[in-house]
């Protein structure tokens, strides 16, 4: 039977316990815990209670659990502090996935620049990009470390394609500052890698429109 998980980011709210309970009240018993909420001390207890009461299944995804100090997670960052903090956030997500009974964890492919939380989802300012090969190597080094930790906890890792918006094309043209925005880029970035693909079709459709590519082709 196909398992369909609904994302917690589809419901407004800053406390994941309240968001997850709203989804459970709507009849959803498989919930992907994603971005959009804030850290608070009782979030683990809230989710554990909902799991015990309703039998809700959870998956953690990339920005969850949210770090106490906000960060745009970028495993391809060439800034050592950003790279290590990103790895810590993702490792925390893997660990909590295991604790909540999940068996998969999805993370976003990296970016060729670092940016602030305020810019997330908005138009990015122009800045120099990381060398592509070096950023890709940083991502996969971090991924391999994360993979070892995940394997010990029975968690499979999946890499999600990024979205390239028309607003960011105004700044960066036909050279997206993100990895994995179209089919060719996905093939190149994952070539020779064992990582599973978490294909976000909405991301891919938007990126194809931005880049003038045929989504169906």
C-alpha atoms as a PDB file:
ATOM      1  CA  UNK A   1       0.000   0.000   0.000  1.00  0.00           C
ATOM      2  CA  UNK A   2       1.277   3.486  -0.878  1.00  0.00           C
ATOM      3  CA  UNK A   3       2.119   5.606   2.136  1.00  0.00           C
ATOM      4  CA  UNK A   4       1.245   9.285   1.750  1.00  0.00           C
ATOM      5  CA  UNK A   5       2.586  11.774   4.284  1.00  0.00           C
ATOM      6  CA  UNK A   6       1.223  15.319   4.533  1.00  0.00           C
ATOM      7  CA  UNK A   7       3.703  18.089   5.307  1.00  0.00           C
ATOM      8  CA  UNK A   8       3.373  20.043   8.536  1.00  0.00           C
ATOM      9  CA  UNK A   9       4.332  23.173   6.585  1.00  0.00           C
ATOM     10  CA  UNK A  10       0.859  23.119   5.026  1.00  0.00           C
ATOM     11  CA  UNK A  11      -0.700  24.267   8.302  1.00  0.00           C
ATOM     12  CA  UNK A  12       0.090  27.655   9.829  1.00  0.00           C
ATOM     13  CA  UNK A  13       1.529  27.738  13.332  1.00  0.00           C
ATOM     14  CA  UNK A  14       4.818  28.032  15.177  1.00  0.00           C
ATOM     15  CA  UNK A  15       4.465  25.115  17.639  1.00  0.00           C
ATOM     16  CA  UNK A  16       4.812  21.726  15.994  1.00  0.00           C
ATOM     17  CA  UNK A  17       2.640  20.002  18.592  1.00  0.00           C
ATOM     18  CA  UNK A  18      -0.316  22.229  17.753  1.00  0.00           C
ATOM     19  CA  UNK A  19       0.289  21.939  13.996  1.00  0.00           C
ATOM     20  CA  UNK A  20       0.500  18.138  14.122  1.00  0.00           C
ATOM     21  CA  UNK A  21      -2.646  17.896  16.256  1.00  0.00           C
ATOM     22  CA  UNK A  22      -4.567  20.056  13.766  1.00  0.00           C
ATOM     23  CA  UNK A  23      -3.556  17.677  10.996  1.00  0.00           C
ATOM     24  CA  UNK A  24      -4.522  14.648  13.095  1.00  0.00           C
ATOM     25  CA  UNK A  25      -7.913  16.240  13.799  1.00  0.00           C
ATOM     26  CA  UNK A  26      -8.378  16.564  10.026  1.00  0.00           C
ATOM     27  CA  UNK A  27      -7.839  12.829   9.704  1.00  0.00           C
ATOM     28  CA  UNK A  28      -4.192  12.668   8.681  1.00  0.00           C
ATOM     29  CA  UNK A  29      -2.237   9.908  10.430  1.00  0.00           C
ATOM     30  CA  UNK A  30       1.029  10.230   8.474  1.00  0.00           C
ATOM     31  CA  UNK A  31       2.774  13.562   8.943  1.00  0.00           C
ATOM     32  CA  UNK A  32       6.089  14.837   7.588  1.00  0.00           C
ATOM     33  CA  UNK A  33       7.605  17.273  10.089  1.00  0.00           C
ATOM     34  CA  UNK A  34       9.128  20.087   8.066  1.00  0.00           C
ATOM     35  CA  UNK A  35      10.021  23.782   8.285  1.00  0.00           C
ATOM     36  CA  UNK A  36       7.964  26.708   9.459  1.00  0.00           C
ATOM     37  CA  UNK A  37       7.784  26.092  13.198  1.00  0.00           C
ATOM     38  CA  UNK A  38       9.982  27.252  16.063  1.00  0.00           C
ATOM     39  CA  UNK A  39      11.862  25.370  18.744  1.00  0.00           C
ATOM     40  CA  UNK A  40      10.233  25.071  22.169  1.00  0.00           C
ATOM     41  CA  UNK A  41      11.084  22.822  25.111  1.00  0.00           C
ATOM     42  CA  UNK A  42       8.038  20.561  25.016  1.00  0.00           C
ATOM     43  CA  UNK A  43       7.890  19.628  21.332  1.00  0.00           C
ATOM     44  CA  UNK A  44       9.144  16.052  21.855  1.00  0.00           C
ATOM     45  CA  UNK A  45       6.519  15.356  24.520  1.00  0.00           C
ATOM     46  CA  UNK A  46       3.755  16.822  22.345  1.00  0.00           C
ATOM     47  CA  UNK A  47       4.611  14.577  19.389  1.00  0.00           C
ATOM     48  CA  UNK A  48       5.121  11.498  21.561  1.00  0.00           C
ATOM     49  CA  UNK A  49       1.688  12.053  23.123  1.00  0.00           C
ATOM     50  CA  UNK A  50       0.028  12.406  19.730  1.00  0.00           C
ATOM     51  CA  UNK A  51       1.763   9.270  18.498  1.00  0.00           C
ATOM     52  CA  UNK A  52       0.571   7.338  21.549  1.00  0.00           C
ATOM     53  CA  UNK A  53      -3.000   8.682  21.423  1.00  0.00           C
ATOM     54  CA  UNK A  54      -3.673   8.538  17.678  1.00  0.00           C
ATOM     55  CA  UNK A  55      -1.032   6.193  16.287  1.00  0.00           C
ATOM     56  CA  UNK A  56       0.289   9.000  14.072  1.00  0.00           C
ATOM     57  CA  UNK A  57       3.389   8.155  12.034  1.00  0.00           C
ATOM     58  CA  UNK A  58       6.046  10.834  11.628  1.00  0.00           C
ATOM     59  CA  UNK A  59       8.909  11.574   9.267  1.00  0.00           C
ATOM     60  CA  UNK A  60      11.404  14.376   9.864  1.00  0.00           C
ATOM     61  CA  UNK A  61      12.549  16.503   6.941  1.00  0.00           C
ATOM     62  CA  UNK A  62      15.586  18.779   6.504  1.00  0.00           C
ATOM     63  CA  UNK A  63      14.608  21.769   8.716  1.00  0.00           C
ATOM     64  CA  UNK A  64      13.110  19.679  11.504  1.00  0.00           C
ATOM     65  CA  UNK A  65      13.575  19.827  14.398  1.00  0.00           C
ATOM     66  CA  UNK A  66      14.220  23.579  14.135  1.00  0.00           C
ATOM     67  CA  UNK A  67      17.489  24.633  15.763  1.00  0.00           C
ATOM     68  CA  UNK A  68      17.332  26.974  18.732  1.00  0.00           C
ATOM     69  CA  UNK A  69      19.480  29.412  16.750  1.00  0.00           C
ATOM     70  CA  UNK A  70      17.865  29.763  13.279  1.00  0.00           C
ATOM     71  CA  UNK A  71      19.932  28.659  10.298  1.00  0.00           C
ATOM     72  CA  UNK A  72      19.455  28.071   6.580  1.00  0.00           C
ATOM     73  CA  UNK A  73      20.748  24.523   6.325  1.00  0.00           C
ATOM     74  CA  UNK A  74      23.368  24.240   3.573  1.00  0.00           C
ATOM     75  CA  UNK A  75      25.474  21.108   3.535  1.00  0.00           C
ATOM     76  CA  UNK A  76      27.314  22.448   0.455  1.00  0.00           C
ATOM     77  CA  UNK A  77      28.534  25.541   2.294  1.00  0.00           C
ATOM     78  CA  UNK A  78      32.251  26.275   2.133  1.00  0.00           C
ATOM     79  CA  UNK A  79      31.993  28.261   5.362  1.00  0.00           C
ATOM     80  CA  UNK A  80      33.209  25.760   8.013  1.00  0.00           C
ATOM     81  CA  UNK A  81      30.829  26.964  10.734  1.00  0.00           C
ATOM     82  CA  UNK A  82      27.756  26.903   8.468  1.00  0.00           C
ATOM     83  CA  UNK A  83      28.698  23.474   7.130  1.00  0.00           C
ATOM     84  CA  UNK A  84      29.164  21.971  10.599  1.00  0.00           C
ATOM     85  CA  UNK A  85      26.014  23.582  12.003  1.00  0.00           C
ATOM     86  CA  UNK A  86      24.065  22.299   9.006  1.00  0.00           C
ATOM     87  CA  UNK A  87      25.398  18.806   9.602  1.00  0.00           C
ATOM     88  CA  UNK A  88      24.412  19.033  13.270  1.00  0.00           C
ATOM     89  CA  UNK A  89      20.839  20.082  12.391  1.00  0.00           C
ATOM     90  CA  UNK A  90      20.500  17.234   9.896  1.00  0.00           C
ATOM     91  CA  UNK A  91      21.994  14.675  12.277  1.00  0.00           C
ATOM     92  CA  UNK A  92      19.515  15.834  14.905  1.00  0.00           C
ATOM     93  CA  UNK A  93      16.714  15.269  12.393  1.00  0.00           C
ATOM     94  CA  UNK A  94      17.923  11.742  11.679  1.00  0.00           C
ATOM     95  CA  UNK A  95      18.099  10.936  15.379  1.00  0.00           C
ATOM     96  CA  UNK A  96      14.612  12.241  16.068  1.00  0.00           C
ATOM     97  CA  UNK A  97      13.246  10.416  13.028  1.00  0.00           C
ATOM     98  CA  UNK A  98      14.433   7.192  14.583  1.00  0.00           C
ATOM     99  CA  UNK A  99      12.980   8.111  17.980  1.00  0.00           C
ATOM    100  CA  UNK A 100       9.593   8.901  16.376  1.00  0.00           C
ATOM    101  CA  UNK A 101       9.532   5.642  14.442  1.00  0.00           C
ATOM    102  CA  UNK A 102      10.419   7.032  11.010  1.00  0.00           C
ATOM    103  CA  UNK A 103      12.586   5.095   8.575  1.00  0.00           C
ATOM    104  CA  UNK A 104      13.380   7.795   6.014  1.00  0.00           C
ATOM    105  CA  UNK A 105      14.882  11.267   6.163  1.00  0.00           C
ATOM    106  CA  UNK A 106      14.923  13.776   3.315  1.00  0.00           C
ATOM    107  CA  UNK A 107      17.405  16.634   3.015  1.00  0.00           C
ATOM    108  CA  UNK A 108      17.739  19.363   0.415  1.00  0.00           C
ATOM    109  CA  UNK A 109      20.547  19.420  -2.113  1.00  0.00           C
ATOM    110  CA  UNK A 110      22.991  22.190  -1.296  1.00  0.00           C
ATOM    111  CA  UNK A 111      23.300  25.805  -2.393  1.00  0.00           C
ATOM    112  CA  UNK A 112      26.190  27.587  -4.069  1.00  0.00           C
ATOM    113  CA  UNK A 113      25.898  30.431  -1.585  1.00  0.00           C
ATOM    114  CA  UNK A 114      24.876  31.008   2.012  1.00  0.00           C
ATOM    115  CA  UNK A 115      21.942  33.289   2.774  1.00  0.00           C
ATOM    116  CA  UNK A 116      19.881  34.431   5.732  1.00  0.00           C
ATOM    117  CA  UNK A 117      16.603  33.053   7.045  1.00  0.00           C
ATOM    118  CA  UNK A 118      14.950  36.321   5.991  1.00  0.00           C
ATOM    119  CA  UNK A 119      15.886  35.568   2.362  1.00  0.00           C
ATOM    120  CA  UNK A 120      14.549  32.008   2.452  1.00  0.00           C
ATOM    121  CA  UNK A 121      11.724  31.795  -0.075  1.00  0.00           C
ATOM    122  CA  UNK A 122      12.389  35.346  -1.291  1.00  0.00           C
ATOM    123  CA  UNK A 123      14.602  36.900  -3.944  1.00  0.00           C
ATOM    124  CA  UNK A 124      18.276  36.483  -3.104  1.00  0.00           C
ATOM    125  CA  UNK A 125      20.734  39.321  -3.283  1.00  0.00           C
ATOM    126  CA  UNK A 126      23.627  39.005  -5.703  1.00  0.00           C
ATOM    127  CA  UNK A 127      26.861  37.691  -4.216  1.00  0.00           C
ATOM    128  CA  UNK A 128      29.807  35.566  -5.360  1.00  0.00           C
ATOM    129  CA  UNK A 129      29.000  31.860  -5.695  1.00  0.00           C
ATOM    130  CA  UNK A 130      31.044  29.006  -4.307  1.00  0.00           C
ATOM    131  CA  UNK A 131      33.097  27.078  -6.885  1.00  0.00           C
ATOM    132  CA  UNK A 132      30.694  24.378  -8.053  1.00  0.00           C
ATOM    133  CA  UNK A 133      33.008  21.384  -7.701  1.00  0.00           C
ATOM    134  CA  UNK A 134      34.181  22.412  -4.238  1.00  0.00           C
ATOM    135  CA  UNK A 135      30.628  22.949  -3.001  1.00  0.00           C
ATOM    136  CA  UNK A 136      29.495  19.599  -4.397  1.00  0.00           C
ATOM    137  CA  UNK A 137      32.431  17.882  -2.708  1.00  0.00           C
ATOM    138  CA  UNK A 138      31.552  19.545   0.608  1.00  0.00           C
ATOM    139  CA  UNK A 139      27.958  18.348   0.303  1.00  0.00           C
ATOM    140  CA  UNK A 140      28.901  14.733  -0.358  1.00  0.00           C
ATOM    141  CA  UNK A 141      31.518  14.680   2.402  1.00  0.00           C
ATOM    142  CA  UNK A 142      28.851  15.825   4.830  1.00  0.00           C
ATOM    143  CA  UNK A 143      26.336  13.404   3.353  1.00  0.00           C
ATOM    144  CA  UNK A 144      28.685  10.465   3.893  1.00  0.00           C
ATOM    145  CA  UNK A 145      29.106  11.410   7.553  1.00  0.00           C
ATOM    146  CA  UNK A 146      25.347  11.722   7.920  1.00  0.00           C
ATOM    147  CA  UNK A 147      24.820   8.432   6.085  1.00  0.00           C
ATOM    148  CA  UNK A 148      27.002   6.541   8.545  1.00  0.00           C
ATOM    149  CA  UNK A 149      24.994   7.905  11.471  1.00  0.00           C
ATOM    150  CA  UNK A 150      21.689   7.183   9.719  1.00  0.00           C
ATOM    151  CA  UNK A 151      22.625   3.609   8.860  1.00  0.00           C
ATOM    152  CA  UNK A 152      23.266   2.874  12.528  1.00  0.00           C
ATOM    153  CA  UNK A 153      19.730   4.045  13.318  1.00  0.00           C
ATOM    154  CA  UNK A 154      17.962   2.250  10.469  1.00  0.00           C
ATOM    155  CA  UNK A 155      17.220   5.458   8.549  1.00  0.00           C
ATOM    156  CA  UNK A 156      17.431   5.770   4.766  1.00  0.00           C
ATOM    157  CA  UNK A 157      18.560   9.141   3.349  1.00  0.00           C
ATOM    158  CA  UNK A 158      16.994  10.895   0.364  1.00  0.00           C
ATOM    159  CA  UNK A 159      18.151  14.079  -1.371  1.00  0.00           C
ATOM    160  CA  UNK A 160      15.478  16.532  -2.573  1.00  0.00           C
ATOM    161  CA  UNK A 161      15.742  18.733  -5.641  1.00  0.00           C
ATOM    162  CA  UNK A 162      15.745  22.508  -5.127  1.00  0.00           C
ATOM    163  CA  UNK A 163      13.391  25.027  -6.712  1.00  0.00           C
ATOM    164  CA  UNK A 164      14.558  27.935  -8.895  1.00  0.00           C
ATOM    165  CA  UNK A 165      12.076  30.794  -9.001  1.00  0.00           C
ATOM    166  CA  UNK A 166      11.549  33.521 -11.597  1.00  0.00           C
ATOM    167  CA  UNK A 167      12.512  36.103  -8.968  1.00  0.00           C
ATOM    168  CA  UNK A 168      15.913  34.517  -8.532  1.00  0.00           C
ATOM    169  CA  UNK A 169      16.375  34.213 -12.291  1.00  0.00           C
ATOM    170  CA  UNK A 170      16.222  38.012 -12.366  1.00  0.00           C
ATOM    171  CA  UNK A 171      19.406  37.964 -10.291  1.00  0.00           C
ATOM    172  CA  UNK A 172      21.245  34.830 -11.462  1.00  0.00           C
ATOM    173  CA  UNK A 173      19.904  34.263 -14.972  1.00  0.00           C
ATOM    174  CA  UNK A 174      20.185  30.744 -16.359  1.00  0.00           C
ATOM    175  CA  UNK A 175      22.853  29.704 -13.826  1.00  0.00           C
ATOM    176  CA  UNK A 176      20.901  28.688 -10.702  1.00  0.00           C
ATOM    177  CA  UNK A 177      22.844  29.114  -7.442  1.00  0.00           C
ATOM    178  CA  UNK A 178      21.359  25.808  -6.218  1.00  0.00           C
ATOM    179  CA  UNK A 179      22.092  22.171  -6.985  1.00  0.00           C
ATOM    180  CA  UNK A 180      19.501  19.820  -8.494  1.00  0.00           C
ATOM    181  CA  UNK A 181      17.029  22.185 -10.166  1.00  0.00           C
ATOM    182  CA  UNK A 182      16.454  20.266 -13.423  1.00  0.00           C
ATOM    183  CA  UNK A 183      16.839  16.736 -14.802  1.00  0.00           C
ATOM    184  CA  UNK A 184      20.343  17.267 -16.183  1.00  0.00           C
ATOM    185  CA  UNK A 185      21.536  18.836 -12.928  1.00  0.00           C
ATOM    186  CA  UNK A 186      19.993  16.046 -10.853  1.00  0.00           C
ATOM    187  CA  UNK A 187      21.757  13.460 -13.027  1.00  0.00           C
ATOM    188  CA  UNK A 188      25.096  15.276 -12.781  1.00  0.00           C
ATOM    189  CA  UNK A 189      24.916  15.944  -9.038  1.00  0.00           C
ATOM    190  CA  UNK A 190      23.941  12.383  -8.052  1.00  0.00           C
ATOM    191  CA  UNK A 191      26.071  10.543 -10.637  1.00  0.00           C
ATOM    192  CA  UNK A 192      27.840   7.608  -9.029  1.00  0.00           C
ATOM    193  CA  UNK A 193      26.116   8.209  -5.674  1.00  0.00           C
ATOM    194  CA  UNK A 194      23.970   5.741  -3.749  1.00  0.00           C
ATOM    195  CA  UNK A 195      21.666   8.425  -2.375  1.00  0.00           C
ATOM    196  CA  UNK A 196      17.949   8.014  -2.901  1.00  0.00           C
ATOM    197  CA  UNK A 197      16.107  10.773  -4.750  1.00  0.00           C
ATOM    198  CA  UNK A 198      13.247  12.644  -3.108  1.00  0.00           C
ATOM    199  CA  UNK A 199      11.698  14.155  -6.240  1.00  0.00           C
ATOM    200  CA  UNK A 200       9.605  17.233  -5.513  1.00  0.00           C
ATOM    201  CA  UNK A 201       7.501  17.522  -8.671  1.00  0.00           C
ATOM    202  CA  UNK A 202       6.266  21.014  -7.776  1.00  0.00           C
ATOM    203  CA  UNK A 203       9.865  22.201  -7.388  1.00  0.00           C
ATOM    204  CA  UNK A 204      10.776  20.605 -10.702  1.00  0.00           C
ATOM    205  CA  UNK A 205       7.820  22.133 -12.558  1.00  0.00           C
ATOM    206  CA  UNK A 206       8.607  25.642 -11.280  1.00  0.00           C
ATOM    207  CA  UNK A 207      12.301  25.259 -12.093  1.00  0.00           C
ATOM    208  CA  UNK A 208      11.537  24.015 -15.609  1.00  0.00           C
ATOM    209  CA  UNK A 209       9.302  27.020 -16.212  1.00  0.00           C
ATOM    210  CA  UNK A 210      11.994  29.365 -14.893  1.00  0.00           C
ATOM    211  CA  UNK A 211      14.699  27.787 -17.048  1.00  0.00           C
ATOM    212  CA  UNK A 212      12.518  27.448 -20.154  1.00  0.00           C
ATOM    213  CA  UNK A 213      12.652  23.636 -20.116  1.00  0.00           C
ATOM    214  CA  UNK A 214       9.983  21.109 -21.069  1.00  0.00           C
ATOM    215  CA  UNK A 215       8.684  19.585 -17.829  1.00  0.00           C
ATOM    216  CA  UNK A 216       7.142  16.587 -19.617  1.00  0.00           C
ATOM    217  CA  UNK A 217      10.255  15.944 -21.691  1.00  0.00           C
END
